[in-house]
Amino acid sequence: MKRCSLITVVKDEHTHLAKLLHGLLISTHTPAEIILVNVGNNIALPEVTPVGVIKVILDNTDEDISLAAARNAGVRAARYDHLIFLDVDCIPSSTFVENILEIMQHTDGLVMGQPRLIEENIDNHFTEQDLLKVSKDHPETPPIKIALHKEDDYSLFRSLCFGVNRKRFEELLAFDGNEENAELSDSEIGNRACKMGIPFYRSNTPVYQQFKTIPSPQ
């Protein structure tokens, strides 16, 4: 299996980050590198972290940069062409990285996991069964019943948990840091991908969004 870079933007969400990293620690496949784009204060890493390289970039930056610019910085720092983006408040299921990477090797587009919403706080030593017990289907993303679905409804795209190869990322320019594209919403990214003919796939591999209110897509 090819190697991948996992990119997460962090702004002082240390509790969420610890749970994300624990999710990767119990995963069936670990990214070759984990890039933490720090746009807040110093990142506090837990004592036990996933096997692999953890890079912290933009550490202690005084600049107020957009999410788009932060993701771009993560891509520039990535060594590998298979990129997985995971929001800091998301916990990957044990097979998320393995399944998304496997799909990316046989497709050429956006590959999104299946978001689920955690309804209560959990400690940092959870199991996959714990996550299933305290979570429910994402209210804005109906689950699919098969392992992989080529989606025609691009309005369902969510950037909180997806993979894309570097070439497609650069073509899409979804997270371009200039003023025009810096704050594209998920629906706008989906619309752009649709117009460019970039395929959109949905995997039923779960990702668990940690306890908080989820805003409706813009």
Protein backbone atom coordinates (compact mmCIF):
# COMPACT_ATOMS: atom_id res chain seq x y z
CA MET A 1 0.00 0.00 0.00
CA LYS A 2 1.28 3.46 -0.88
CA ARG A 3 2.17 5.97 1.79
CA CYS A 4 0.09 9.00 2.64
CA SER A 5 0.30 12.27 4.51
CA LEU A 6 -2.46 13.13 6.97
CA ILE A 7 -3.03 16.88 7.46
CA THR A 8 -4.81 18.44 10.44
CA VAL A 9 -5.13 22.13 11.29
CA VAL A 10 -4.93 22.82 15.04
CA LYS A 11 -5.91 25.96 16.94
CA ASP A 12 -5.64 25.24 20.66
CA GLU A 13 -7.94 22.18 20.52
CA HIS A 14 -5.56 20.05 22.56
CA THR A 15 -8.23 17.78 24.03
CA HIS A 16 -9.65 17.05 20.57
CA LEU A 17 -6.15 16.52 19.17
CA ALA A 18 -5.29 13.94 21.84
CA LYS A 19 -8.37 11.90 20.90
CA LEU A 20 -7.65 12.19 17.18
CA LEU A 21 -4.12 10.89 17.77
CA HIS A 22 -5.42 8.04 19.93
CA GLY A 23 -7.74 7.10 17.08
CA LEU A 24 -4.73 6.90 14.77
CA LEU A 25 -2.83 4.93 17.41
CA ILE A 26 -5.42 2.12 17.28
CA SER A 27 -5.78 2.25 13.49
CA THR A 28 -5.10 -0.68 11.19
CA HIS A 29 -2.87 1.54 9.06
CA THR A 30 -0.94 4.59 10.21
CA PRO A 31 -0.10 7.49 7.89
CA ALA A 32 3.56 7.71 6.96
CA GLU A 33 3.49 11.23 8.34
CA ILE A 34 1.07 13.34 10.34
CA ILE A 35 1.27 17.06 9.63
CA LEU A 36 -0.15 19.31 12.33
CA VAL A 37 -0.60 22.85 11.05
CA ASN A 38 -0.55 24.87 14.24
CA VAL A 39 -2.30 28.23 13.99
CA GLY A 40 -2.69 28.68 17.74
CA ASN A 41 -0.54 28.36 20.84
CA ASN A 42 2.01 25.62 21.47
CA ILE A 43 0.74 22.14 20.64
CA ALA A 44 0.74 19.72 23.57
CA LEU A 45 1.30 16.21 22.23
CA PRO A 46 0.28 13.22 24.38
CA GLU A 47 3.02 10.95 25.73
CA VAL A 48 2.02 8.10 23.42
CA THR A 49 1.56 9.05 19.77
CA PRO A 50 1.01 7.00 16.61
CA VAL A 51 3.96 5.35 14.91
CA GLY A 52 5.25 7.59 12.14
CA VAL A 53 6.53 11.10 11.71
CA ILE A 54 4.66 13.99 13.30
CA LYS A 55 5.55 17.37 11.83
CA VAL A 56 4.38 20.57 13.47
CA ILE A 57 4.47 23.53 11.11
CA LEU A 58 3.60 27.22 11.48
CA ASP A 59 4.27 26.79 15.19
CA ASN A 60 3.75 29.97 17.23
CA THR A 61 2.78 31.96 14.17
CA ASP A 62 1.56 35.48 14.84
CA GLU A 63 -0.31 35.60 11.56
CA ASP A 64 -4.07 35.23 11.45
CA ILE A 65 -4.29 32.87 8.50
CA SER A 66 -7.35 31.30 6.96
CA LEU A 67 -8.19 27.62 7.09
CA ALA A 68 -7.49 27.54 3.35
CA ALA A 69 -3.99 28.95 3.78
CA ALA A 70 -3.30 26.57 6.67
CA ARG A 71 -4.31 23.56 4.58
CA ASN A 72 -2.16 24.81 1.73
CA ALA A 73 0.79 25.01 4.09
CA GLY A 74 0.13 21.42 5.12
CA VAL A 75 0.12 20.28 1.49
CA ARG A 76 3.39 22.10 0.79
CA ALA A 77 4.99 20.35 3.75
CA ALA A 78 3.68 16.91 2.78
CA ARG A 79 6.18 14.43 1.36
CA TYR A 80 3.60 12.14 -0.23
CA ASP A 81 1.10 12.59 -3.05
CA HIS A 82 -1.79 10.83 -1.33
CA LEU A 83 -3.29 13.40 1.05
CA ILE A 84 -5.86 12.82 3.78
CA PHE A 85 -7.48 15.82 5.49
CA LEU A 86 -8.96 15.28 8.94
CA ASP A 87 -10.42 18.04 11.09
CA VAL A 88 -8.98 18.21 14.59
CA ASP A 89 -12.37 17.53 16.19
CA CYS A 90 -12.70 14.23 14.30
CA ILE A 91 -11.67 10.77 15.48
CA PRO A 92 -10.91 8.31 12.69
CA SER A 93 -12.36 4.82 12.89
CA SER A 94 -9.76 2.06 13.05
CA THR A 95 -10.00 1.40 9.30
CA PHE A 96 -10.47 4.98 8.05
CA VAL A 97 -6.91 5.64 6.87
CA GLU A 98 -6.49 2.17 5.39
CA ASN A 99 -9.79 2.26 3.50
CA ILE A 100 -9.49 5.82 2.20
CA LEU A 101 -5.93 5.19 1.02
CA GLU A 102 -6.94 1.94 -0.67
CA ILE A 103 -9.79 3.68 -2.51
CA MET A 104 -7.53 6.54 -3.56
CA GLN A 105 -5.19 4.08 -5.25
CA HIS A 106 -8.00 2.89 -7.55
CA THR A 107 -9.92 6.14 -8.12
CA ASP A 108 -9.06 9.68 -9.12
CA GLY A 109 -11.18 12.15 -7.21
CA LEU A 110 -12.44 13.19 -3.79
CA VAL A 111 -12.95 10.31 -1.34
CA MET A 112 -14.95 11.14 1.78
CA GLY A 113 -15.50 9.07 4.90
CA GLN A 114 -18.87 8.72 6.68
CA PRO A 115 -19.23 11.35 9.44
CA ARG A 116 -20.93 10.32 12.66
CA LEU A 117 -21.74 12.64 15.54
CA ILE A 118 -20.56 11.83 19.06
CA GLU A 119 -23.32 12.82 21.48
CA GLU A 120 -21.36 12.82 24.74
CA ASN A 121 -17.84 13.29 26.01
CA ILE A 122 -15.52 10.28 26.10
CA ASP A 123 -12.14 9.78 27.70
CA ASN A 124 -8.88 9.43 25.79
CA HIS A 125 -8.70 5.63 26.05
CA PHE A 126 -11.72 4.69 23.99
CA THR A 127 -12.21 1.69 21.74
CA GLU A 128 -14.04 1.51 18.43
CA GLN A 129 -17.05 0.01 20.17
CA ASP A 130 -17.11 2.93 22.59
CA LEU A 131 -17.30 5.34 19.65
CA LEU A 132 -20.14 3.42 18.04
CA LYS A 133 -22.14 3.37 21.27
CA VAL A 134 -22.01 7.14 21.83
CA SER A 135 -22.45 8.31 18.22
CA LYS A 136 -25.23 8.66 15.67
CA ASP A 137 -25.52 9.35 11.96
CA HIS A 138 -24.46 12.84 10.89
CA PRO A 139 -27.63 14.95 10.64
CA GLU A 140 -26.54 16.52 7.33
CA THR A 141 -24.96 13.46 5.68
CA PRO A 142 -27.22 10.41 5.24
CA PRO A 143 -25.24 7.16 5.56
CA ILE A 144 -24.66 4.91 2.59
CA LYS A 145 -25.42 1.21 2.82
CA ILE A 146 -22.57 -0.04 0.62
CA ALA A 147 -18.80 0.13 1.07
CA LEU A 148 -18.23 2.67 -1.69
CA HIS A 149 -20.62 4.91 -3.61
CA LYS A 150 -19.86 7.21 -6.55
CA GLU A 151 -21.87 10.23 -5.49
CA ASP A 152 -23.67 12.51 -7.94
CA ASP A 153 -24.90 14.92 -5.26
CA TYR A 154 -21.86 17.10 -4.67
CA SER A 155 -23.73 19.12 -2.03
CA LEU A 156 -22.99 16.21 0.34
CA PHE A 157 -19.24 16.88 0.25
CA ARG A 158 -17.73 17.60 3.68
CA SER A 159 -14.10 18.63 4.02
CA LEU A 160 -13.79 17.36 7.60
CA CYS A 161 -12.68 13.85 6.51
CA PHE A 162 -11.55 13.19 2.97
CA GLY A 163 -8.67 12.10 0.77
CA VAL A 164 -7.42 13.45 -2.56
CA ASN A 165 -4.23 13.09 -4.55
CA ARG A 166 -1.92 16.06 -4.92
CA LYS A 167 -2.63 16.53 -8.64
CA ARG A 168 -6.37 16.77 -8.11
CA PHE A 169 -5.87 19.07 -5.13
CA GLU A 170 -3.81 21.46 -7.22
CA GLU A 171 -6.32 21.32 -10.10
CA LEU A 172 -9.25 21.99 -7.82
CA LEU A 173 -7.55 24.83 -5.93
CA ALA A 174 -10.28 24.32 -3.36
CA PHE A 175 -8.13 25.72 -0.57
CA ASP A 176 -6.26 28.41 -2.47
CA GLY A 177 -5.05 30.98 0.01
CA ASN A 178 -5.83 34.06 -2.03
CA GLU A 179 -8.73 36.36 -1.23
CA GLU A 180 -11.01 34.88 -3.87
CA ASN A 181 -10.89 31.28 -2.66
CA ALA A 182 -9.72 31.50 0.95
CA GLU A 183 -13.09 30.87 2.55
CA LEU A 184 -14.83 28.50 0.15
CA SER A 185 -17.59 26.59 1.90
CA ASP A 186 -17.91 22.83 1.54
CA SER A 187 -20.83 23.28 -0.84
CA GLU A 188 -18.78 25.66 -2.99
CA ILE A 189 -15.91 23.18 -3.08
CA GLY A 190 -18.37 20.47 -4.13
CA ASN A 191 -19.83 22.69 -6.85
CA ARG A 192 -16.39 23.46 -8.21
CA ALA A 193 -15.43 19.77 -8.27
CA CYS A 194 -18.69 18.96 -10.07
CA LYS A 195 -18.12 21.62 -12.74
CA MET A 196 -14.55 20.37 -13.29
CA GLY A 197 -15.72 16.77 -13.63
CA ILE A 198 -13.72 15.58 -10.61
CA PRO A 199 -15.34 12.37 -9.31
CA PHE A 200 -16.73 12.32 -5.78
CA TYR A 201 -16.80 9.04 -3.85
CA ARG A 202 -18.29 8.29 -0.46
CA SER A 203 -16.98 5.48 1.71
CA ASN A 204 -19.03 4.03 4.56
CA THR A 205 -15.91 4.05 6.76
CA PRO A 206 -16.84 6.10 9.84
CA VAL A 207 -15.23 9.22 11.22
CA TYR A 208 -16.52 10.41 14.58
CA GLN A 209 -16.98 14.14 15.10
CA GLN A 210 -16.39 15.00 18.72
CA PHE A 211 -19.05 16.38 21.02
CA LYS A 212 -20.17 19.82 19.90
CA THR A 213 -22.88 21.52 17.86
CA ILE A 214 -22.44 20.97 14.13
CA PRO A 215 -23.30 24.00 12.01
CA SER A 216 -25.29 23.51 8.85
CA PRO A 217 -23.24 23.66 5.63
CA GLN A 218 -22.92 27.13 4.16
